[in-house]
């Protein structure tokens, strides 16, 4: 086991409203963000790592949403 991912529903609702995206989309985004961190990605360590994480996020999000 790599770890746990906890998503605050209150925070997801707030972010969804703030970004004007559907709640489901926000939850997928937060879930994938947490998963990438568990896999070792760290967008705060360097600009290159942030780009790498963003690229992987863009690649994986459609797959996650397809189920």
PDB file of N, CA and C in Angstrom:
ATOM      1  N   UNK A   1       0.836  -1.174   0.000  1.00  0.00           N
ATOM      2  CA  UNK A   1       0.000   0.000   0.000  1.00  0.00           C
ATOM      3  C   UNK A   1       0.886   1.244   0.000  1.00  0.00           C
ATOM      4  N   UNK A   2       0.540   2.185  -0.846  1.00  0.00           N
ATOM      5  CA  UNK A   2       1.312   3.421  -0.957  1.00  0.00           C
ATOM      6  C   UNK A   2       0.931   4.455   0.091  1.00  0.00           C
ATOM      7  N   UNK A   3      -0.313   4.481   0.478  1.00  0.00           N
ATOM      8  CA  UNK A   3      -0.791   5.485   1.425  1.00  0.00           C
ATOM      9  C   UNK A   3      -2.273   5.713   1.239  1.00  0.00           C
ATOM     10  N   UNK A   4      -2.764   6.749   1.844  1.00  0.00           N
ATOM     11  CA  UNK A   4      -4.185   7.080   1.786  1.00  0.00           C
ATOM     12  C   UNK A   4      -4.390   8.404   1.065  1.00  0.00           C
ATOM     13  N   UNK A   5      -5.543   8.520   0.451  1.00  0.00           N
ATOM     14  CA  UNK A   5      -5.963   9.781  -0.146  1.00  0.00           C
ATOM     15  C   UNK A   5      -7.267  10.168   0.535  1.00  0.00           C
ATOM     16  N   UNK A   6      -7.278  11.346   1.106  1.00  0.00           N
ATOM     17  CA  UNK A   6      -8.478  11.849   1.774  1.00  0.00           C
ATOM     18  C   UNK A   6      -8.906  13.118   1.051  1.00  0.00           C
ATOM     19  N   UNK A   7     -10.159  13.152   0.651  1.00  0.00           N
ATOM     20  CA  UNK A   7     -10.697  14.324  -0.029  1.00  0.00           C
ATOM     21  C   UNK A   7     -11.793  14.919   0.845  1.00  0.00           C
ATOM     22  N   UNK A   8     -11.617  16.153   1.210  1.00  0.00           N
ATOM     23  CA  UNK A   8     -12.627  16.867   1.983  1.00  0.00           C
ATOM     24  C   UNK A   8     -13.756  17.276   1.043  1.00  0.00           C
ATOM     25  N   UNK A   9     -14.956  16.802   1.325  1.00  0.00           N
ATOM     26  CA  UNK A   9     -16.106  17.157   0.495  1.00  0.00           C
ATOM     27  C   UNK A   9     -16.346  18.664   0.544  1.00  0.00           C
ATOM     28  N   UNK A  10     -16.203  19.255   1.724  1.00  0.00           N
ATOM     29  CA  UNK A  10     -16.389  20.706   1.847  1.00  0.00           C
ATOM     30  C   UNK A  10     -15.399  21.466   0.967  1.00  0.00           C
ATOM     31  N   UNK A  11     -14.143  21.030   0.988  1.00  0.00           N
ATOM     32  CA  UNK A  11     -13.136  21.700   0.157  1.00  0.00           C
ATOM     33  C   UNK A  11     -13.407  21.467  -1.323  1.00  0.00           C
ATOM     34  N   UNK A  12     -13.825  20.256  -1.683  1.00  0.00           N
ATOM     35  CA  UNK A  12     -14.137  19.957  -3.081  1.00  0.00           C
ATOM     36  C   UNK A  12     -15.287  20.839  -3.572  1.00  0.00           C
ATOM     37  N   UNK A  13     -16.313  20.993  -2.748  1.00  0.00           N
ATOM     38  CA  UNK A  13     -17.443  21.854  -3.124  1.00  0.00           C
ATOM     39  C   UNK A  13     -16.973  23.296  -3.291  1.00  0.00           C
ATOM     40  N   UNK A  14     -16.162  23.770  -2.357  1.00  0.00           N
ATOM     41  CA  UNK A  14     -15.639  25.139  -2.425  1.00  0.00           C
ATOM     42  C   UNK A  14     -14.809  25.336  -3.696  1.00  0.00           C
ATOM     43  N   UNK A  15     -13.888  24.415  -3.968  1.00  0.00           N
ATOM     44  CA  UNK A  15     -13.040  24.535  -5.162  1.00  0.00           C
ATOM     45  C   UNK A  15     -13.862  24.446  -6.437  1.00  0.00           C
ATOM     46  N   UNK A  16     -14.876  23.586  -6.424  1.00  0.00           N
ATOM     47  CA  UNK A  16     -15.750  23.439  -7.587  1.00  0.00           C
ATOM     48  C   UNK A  16     -16.450  24.756  -7.903  1.00  0.00           C
ATOM     49  N   UNK A  17     -16.984  25.385  -6.880  1.00  0.00           N
ATOM     50  CA  UNK A  17     -17.667  26.670  -7.072  1.00  0.00           C
ATOM     51  C   UNK A  17     -16.687  27.756  -7.494  1.00  0.00           C
ATOM     52  N   UNK A  18     -15.511  27.762  -6.861  1.00  0.00           N
ATOM     53  CA  UNK A  18     -14.502  28.782  -7.145  1.00  0.00           C
ATOM     54  C   UNK A  18     -13.980  28.688  -8.581  1.00  0.00           C
ATOM     55  N   UNK A  19     -13.804  27.464  -9.070  1.00  0.00           N
ATOM     56  CA  UNK A  19     -13.262  27.263 -10.415  1.00  0.00           C
ATOM     57  C   UNK A  19     -14.351  27.108 -11.467  1.00  0.00           C
ATOM     58  N   UNK A  20     -15.602  27.104 -11.022  1.00  0.00           N
ATOM     59  CA  UNK A  20     -16.741  26.949 -11.923  1.00  0.00           C
ATOM     60  C   UNK A  20     -16.647  25.659 -12.746  1.00  0.00           C
ATOM     61  N   UNK A  21     -16.195  24.594 -12.098  1.00  0.00           N
ATOM     62  CA  UNK A  21     -16.160  23.292 -12.757  1.00  0.00           C
ATOM     63  C   UNK A  21     -17.122  22.365 -12.020  1.00  0.00           C
ATOM     64  N   UNK A  22     -17.636  21.348 -12.699  1.00  0.00           N
ATOM     65  CA  UNK A  22     -18.543  20.417 -12.024  1.00  0.00           C
ATOM     66  C   UNK A  22     -17.859  19.750 -10.825  1.00  0.00           C
ATOM     67  N   UNK A  23     -18.632  19.482  -9.788  1.00  0.00           N
ATOM     68  CA  UNK A  23     -18.087  18.860  -8.577  1.00  0.00           C
ATOM     69  C   UNK A  23     -17.388  17.543  -8.902  1.00  0.00           C
ATOM     70  N   UNK A  24     -17.969  16.745  -9.772  1.00  0.00           N
ATOM     71  CA  UNK A  24     -17.360  15.462 -10.142  1.00  0.00           C
ATOM     72  C   UNK A  24     -15.964  15.672 -10.723  1.00  0.00           C
ATOM     73  N   UNK A  25     -15.814  16.684 -11.568  1.00  0.00           N
ATOM     74  CA  UNK A  25     -14.514  16.999 -12.171  1.00  0.00           C
ATOM     75  C   UNK A  25     -13.507  17.395 -11.092  1.00  0.00           C
ATOM     76  N   UNK A  26     -13.937  18.183 -10.141  1.00  0.00           N
ATOM     77  CA  UNK A  26     -13.065  18.603  -9.045  1.00  0.00           C
ATOM     78  C   UNK A  26     -12.606  17.401  -8.235  1.00  0.00           C
ATOM     79  N   UNK A  27     -13.514  16.490  -7.953  1.00  0.00           N
ATOM     80  CA  UNK A  27     -13.154  15.304  -7.174  1.00  0.00           C
ATOM     81  C   UNK A  27     -12.170  14.433  -7.946  1.00  0.00           C
ATOM     82  N   UNK A  28     -12.386  14.249  -9.248  1.00  0.00           N
ATOM     83  CA  UNK A  28     -11.417  13.496 -10.059  1.00  0.00           C
ATOM     84  C   UNK A  28     -10.045  14.166 -10.004  1.00  0.00           C
ATOM     85  N   UNK A  29     -10.030  15.496 -10.134  1.00  0.00           N
ATOM     86  CA  UNK A  29      -8.765  16.237 -10.133  1.00  0.00           C
ATOM     87  C   UNK A  29      -8.036  16.081  -8.799  1.00  0.00           C
ATOM     88  N   UNK A  30      -8.767  16.203  -7.701  1.00  0.00           N
ATOM     89  CA  UNK A  30      -8.153  16.055  -6.377  1.00  0.00           C
ATOM     90  C   UNK A  30      -7.664  14.629  -6.141  1.00  0.00           C
ATOM     91  N   UNK A  31      -8.439  13.658  -6.576  1.00  0.00           N
ATOM     92  CA  UNK A  31      -8.042  12.255  -6.435  1.00  0.00           C
ATOM     93  C   UNK A  31      -6.753  11.979  -7.201  1.00  0.00           C
ATOM     94  N   UNK A  32      -6.692  12.438  -8.434  1.00  0.00           N
ATOM     95  CA  UNK A  32      -5.496  12.213  -9.239  1.00  0.00           C
ATOM     96  C   UNK A  32      -4.298  12.964  -8.665  1.00  0.00           C
ATOM     97  N   UNK A  33      -4.519  14.163  -8.171  1.00  0.00           N
ATOM     98  CA  UNK A  33      -3.437  14.938  -7.552  1.00  0.00           C
ATOM     99  C   UNK A  33      -2.838  14.157  -6.375  1.00  0.00           C
ATOM    100  N   UNK A  34      -3.700  13.617  -5.530  1.00  0.00           N
ATOM    101  CA  UNK A  34      -3.228  12.820  -4.397  1.00  0.00           C
ATOM    102  C   UNK A  34      -2.499  11.568  -4.837  1.00  0.00           C
ATOM    103  N   UNK A  35      -3.024  10.901  -5.852  1.00  0.00           N
ATOM    104  CA  UNK A  35      -2.389   9.682  -6.361  1.00  0.00           C
ATOM    105  C   UNK A  35      -0.994   9.983  -6.909  1.00  0.00           C
ATOM    106  N   UNK A  36      -0.863  11.062  -7.646  1.00  0.00           N
ATOM    107  CA  UNK A  36       0.452  11.416  -8.184  1.00  0.00           C
ATOM    108  C   UNK A  36       1.445  11.705  -7.062  1.00  0.00           C
ATOM    109  N   UNK A  37       0.989  12.340  -5.998  1.00  0.00           N
ATOM    110  CA  UNK A  37       1.878  12.552  -4.851  1.00  0.00           C
ATOM    111  C   UNK A  37       2.298  11.214  -4.244  1.00  0.00           C
ATOM    112  N   UNK A  38       1.376  10.278  -4.125  1.00  0.00           N
ATOM    113  CA  UNK A  38       1.724   8.958  -3.582  1.00  0.00           C
ATOM    114  C   UNK A  38       2.739   8.244  -4.467  1.00  0.00           C
ATOM    115  N   UNK A  39       2.701   8.528  -5.755  1.00  0.00           N
ATOM    116  CA  UNK A  39       3.634   7.904  -6.693  1.00  0.00           C
ATOM    117  C   UNK A  39       4.976   8.629  -6.763  1.00  0.00           C
ATOM    118  N   UNK A  40       5.121   9.691  -5.965  1.00  0.00           N
ATOM    119  CA  UNK A  40       6.415  10.358  -5.877  1.00  0.00           C
ATOM    120  C   UNK A  40       6.519  11.698  -6.575  1.00  0.00           C
ATOM    121  N   UNK A  41       5.477  12.146  -7.236  1.00  0.00           N
ATOM    122  CA  UNK A  41       5.510  13.456  -7.885  1.00  0.00           C
ATOM    123  C   UNK A  41       5.404  14.544  -6.818  1.00  0.00           C
ATOM    124  N   UNK A  42       6.136  15.648  -7.033  1.00  0.00           N
ATOM    125  CA  UNK A  42       6.093  16.751  -6.075  1.00  0.00           C
ATOM    126  C   UNK A  42       6.209  18.066  -6.833  1.00  0.00           C
ATOM    127  N   UNK A  43       5.095  18.685  -7.122  1.00  0.00           N
ATOM    128  CA  UNK A  43       5.061  19.911  -7.912  1.00  0.00           C
ATOM    129  C   UNK A  43       5.728  21.086  -7.207  1.00  0.00           C
ATOM    130  N   UNK A  44       5.980  20.963  -5.923  1.00  0.00           N
ATOM    131  CA  UNK A  44       6.595  22.068  -5.182  1.00  0.00           C
ATOM    132  C   UNK A  44       8.118  21.985  -5.145  1.00  0.00           C
ATOM    133  N   UNK A  45       8.689  20.896  -5.641  1.00  0.00           N
ATOM    134  CA  UNK A  45      10.141  20.724  -5.538  1.00  0.00           C
ATOM    135  C   UNK A  45      10.912  21.507  -6.596  1.00  0.00           C
ATOM    136  N   UNK A  46      10.328  21.668  -7.786  1.00  0.00           N
ATOM    137  CA  UNK A  46      11.005  22.416  -8.843  1.00  0.00           C
ATOM    138  C   UNK A  46      10.017  22.694  -9.974  1.00  0.00           C
ATOM    139  N   UNK A  47      10.311  23.703 -10.791  1.00  0.00           N
ATOM    140  CA  UNK A  47       9.438  23.970 -11.939  1.00  0.00           C
ATOM    141  C   UNK A  47       9.377  22.784 -12.911  1.00  0.00           C
ATOM    142  N   UNK A  48      10.490  22.103 -13.090  1.00  0.00           N
ATOM    143  CA  UNK A  48      10.513  20.935 -13.972  1.00  0.00           C
ATOM    144  C   UNK A  48       9.630  19.819 -13.457  1.00  0.00           C
ATOM    145  N   UNK A  49       9.670  19.602 -12.162  1.00  0.00           N
ATOM    146  CA  UNK A  49       8.831  18.566 -11.556  1.00  0.00           C
ATOM    147  C   UNK A  49       7.358  18.970 -11.629  1.00  0.00           C
ATOM    148  N   UNK A  50       7.088  20.251 -11.490  1.00  0.00           N
ATOM    149  CA  UNK A  50       5.703  20.733 -11.615  1.00  0.00           C
ATOM    150  C   UNK A  50       5.184  20.471 -13.025  1.00  0.00           C
ATOM    151  N   UNK A  51       6.017  20.721 -14.037  1.00  0.00           N
ATOM    152  CA  UNK A  51       5.614  20.447 -15.427  1.00  0.00           C
ATOM    153  C   UNK A  51       5.410  18.959 -15.650  1.00  0.00           C
ATOM    154  N   UNK A  52       6.299  18.162 -15.084  1.00  0.00           N
ATOM    155  CA  UNK A  52       6.193  16.704 -15.224  1.00  0.00           C
ATOM    156  C   UNK A  52       4.887  16.201 -14.604  1.00  0.00           C
ATOM    157  N   UNK A  53       4.553  16.712 -13.426  1.00  0.00           N
ATOM    158  CA  UNK A  53       3.326  16.302 -12.749  1.00  0.00           C
ATOM    159  C   UNK A  53       2.098  16.765 -13.538  1.00  0.00           C
ATOM    160  N   UNK A  54       2.149  17.987 -14.051  1.00  0.00           N
ATOM    161  CA  UNK A  54       1.031  18.519 -14.832  1.00  0.00           C
ATOM    162  C   UNK A  54       0.818  17.702 -16.112  1.00  0.00           C
ATOM    163  N   UNK A  55       1.912  17.320 -16.752  1.00  0.00           N
ATOM    164  CA  UNK A  55       1.821  16.511 -17.972  1.00  0.00           C
ATOM    165  C   UNK A  55       1.182  15.156 -17.665  1.00  0.00           C
ATOM    166  N   UNK A  56       1.617  14.527 -16.599  1.00  0.00           N
ATOM    167  CA  UNK A  56       1.070  13.223 -16.214  1.00  0.00           C
ATOM    168  C   UNK A  56      -0.401  13.355 -15.811  1.00  0.00           C
ATOM    169  N   UNK A  57      -0.724  14.427 -15.143  1.00  0.00           N
ATOM    170  CA  UNK A  57      -2.113  14.692 -14.755  1.00  0.00           C
ATOM    171  C   UNK A  57      -2.990  14.786 -16.006  1.00  0.00           C
ATOM    172  N   UNK A  58      -2.528  15.536 -16.995  1.00  0.00           N
ATOM    173  CA  UNK A  58      -3.278  15.683 -18.245  1.00  0.00           C
ATOM    174  C   UNK A  58      -3.437  14.375 -18.992  1.00  0.00           C
ATOM    175  N   UNK A  59      -2.452  13.518 -18.887  1.00  0.00           N
ATOM    176  CA  UNK A  59      -2.511  12.216 -19.558  1.00  0.00           C
ATOM    177  C   UNK A  59      -3.463  11.261 -18.846  1.00  0.00           C
ATOM    178  N   UNK A  60      -3.448  11.285 -17.519  1.00  0.00           N
ATOM    179  CA  UNK A  60      -4.212  10.303 -16.748  1.00  0.00           C
ATOM    180  C   UNK A  60      -5.657  10.696 -16.455  1.00  0.00           C
ATOM    181  N   UNK A  61      -5.950  11.982 -16.389  1.00  0.00           N
ATOM    182  CA  UNK A  61      -7.302  12.405 -16.022  1.00  0.00           C
ATOM    183  C   UNK A  61      -8.373  11.830 -16.954  1.00  0.00           C
ATOM    184  N   UNK A  62      -8.195  11.875 -18.269  1.00  0.00           N
ATOM    185  CA  UNK A  62      -9.221  11.273 -19.135  1.00  0.00           C
ATOM    186  C   UNK A  62      -9.397   9.772 -18.885  1.00  0.00           C
ATOM    187  N   UNK A  63      -8.320   9.071 -18.584  1.00  0.00           N
ATOM    188  CA  UNK A  63      -8.408   7.635 -18.307  1.00  0.00           C
ATOM    189  C   UNK A  63      -9.175   7.375 -17.019  1.00  0.00           C
ATOM    190  N   UNK A  64      -8.936   8.192 -16.010  1.00  0.00           N
ATOM    191  CA  UNK A  64      -9.635   8.050 -14.736  1.00  0.00           C
ATOM    192  C   UNK A  64     -11.132   8.295 -14.918  1.00  0.00           C
ATOM    193  N   UNK A  65     -11.476   9.299 -15.700  1.00  0.00           N
ATOM    194  CA  UNK A  65     -12.877   9.640 -15.908  1.00  0.00           C
ATOM    195  C   UNK A  65     -13.612   8.588 -16.738  1.00  0.00           C
ATOM    196  N   UNK A  66     -12.885   7.902 -17.615  1.00  0.00           N
ATOM    197  CA  UNK A  66     -13.502   6.838 -18.418  1.00  0.00           C
ATOM    198  C   UNK A  66     -13.882   5.647 -17.559  1.00  0.00           C
ATOM    199  N   UNK A  67     -13.144   5.459 -16.475  1.00  0.00           N
ATOM    200  CA  UNK A  67     -13.424   4.358 -15.562  1.00  0.00           C
ATOM    201  C   UNK A  67     -12.884   3.092 -16.069  1.00  0.00           C
TER     202      UNK A  67
END
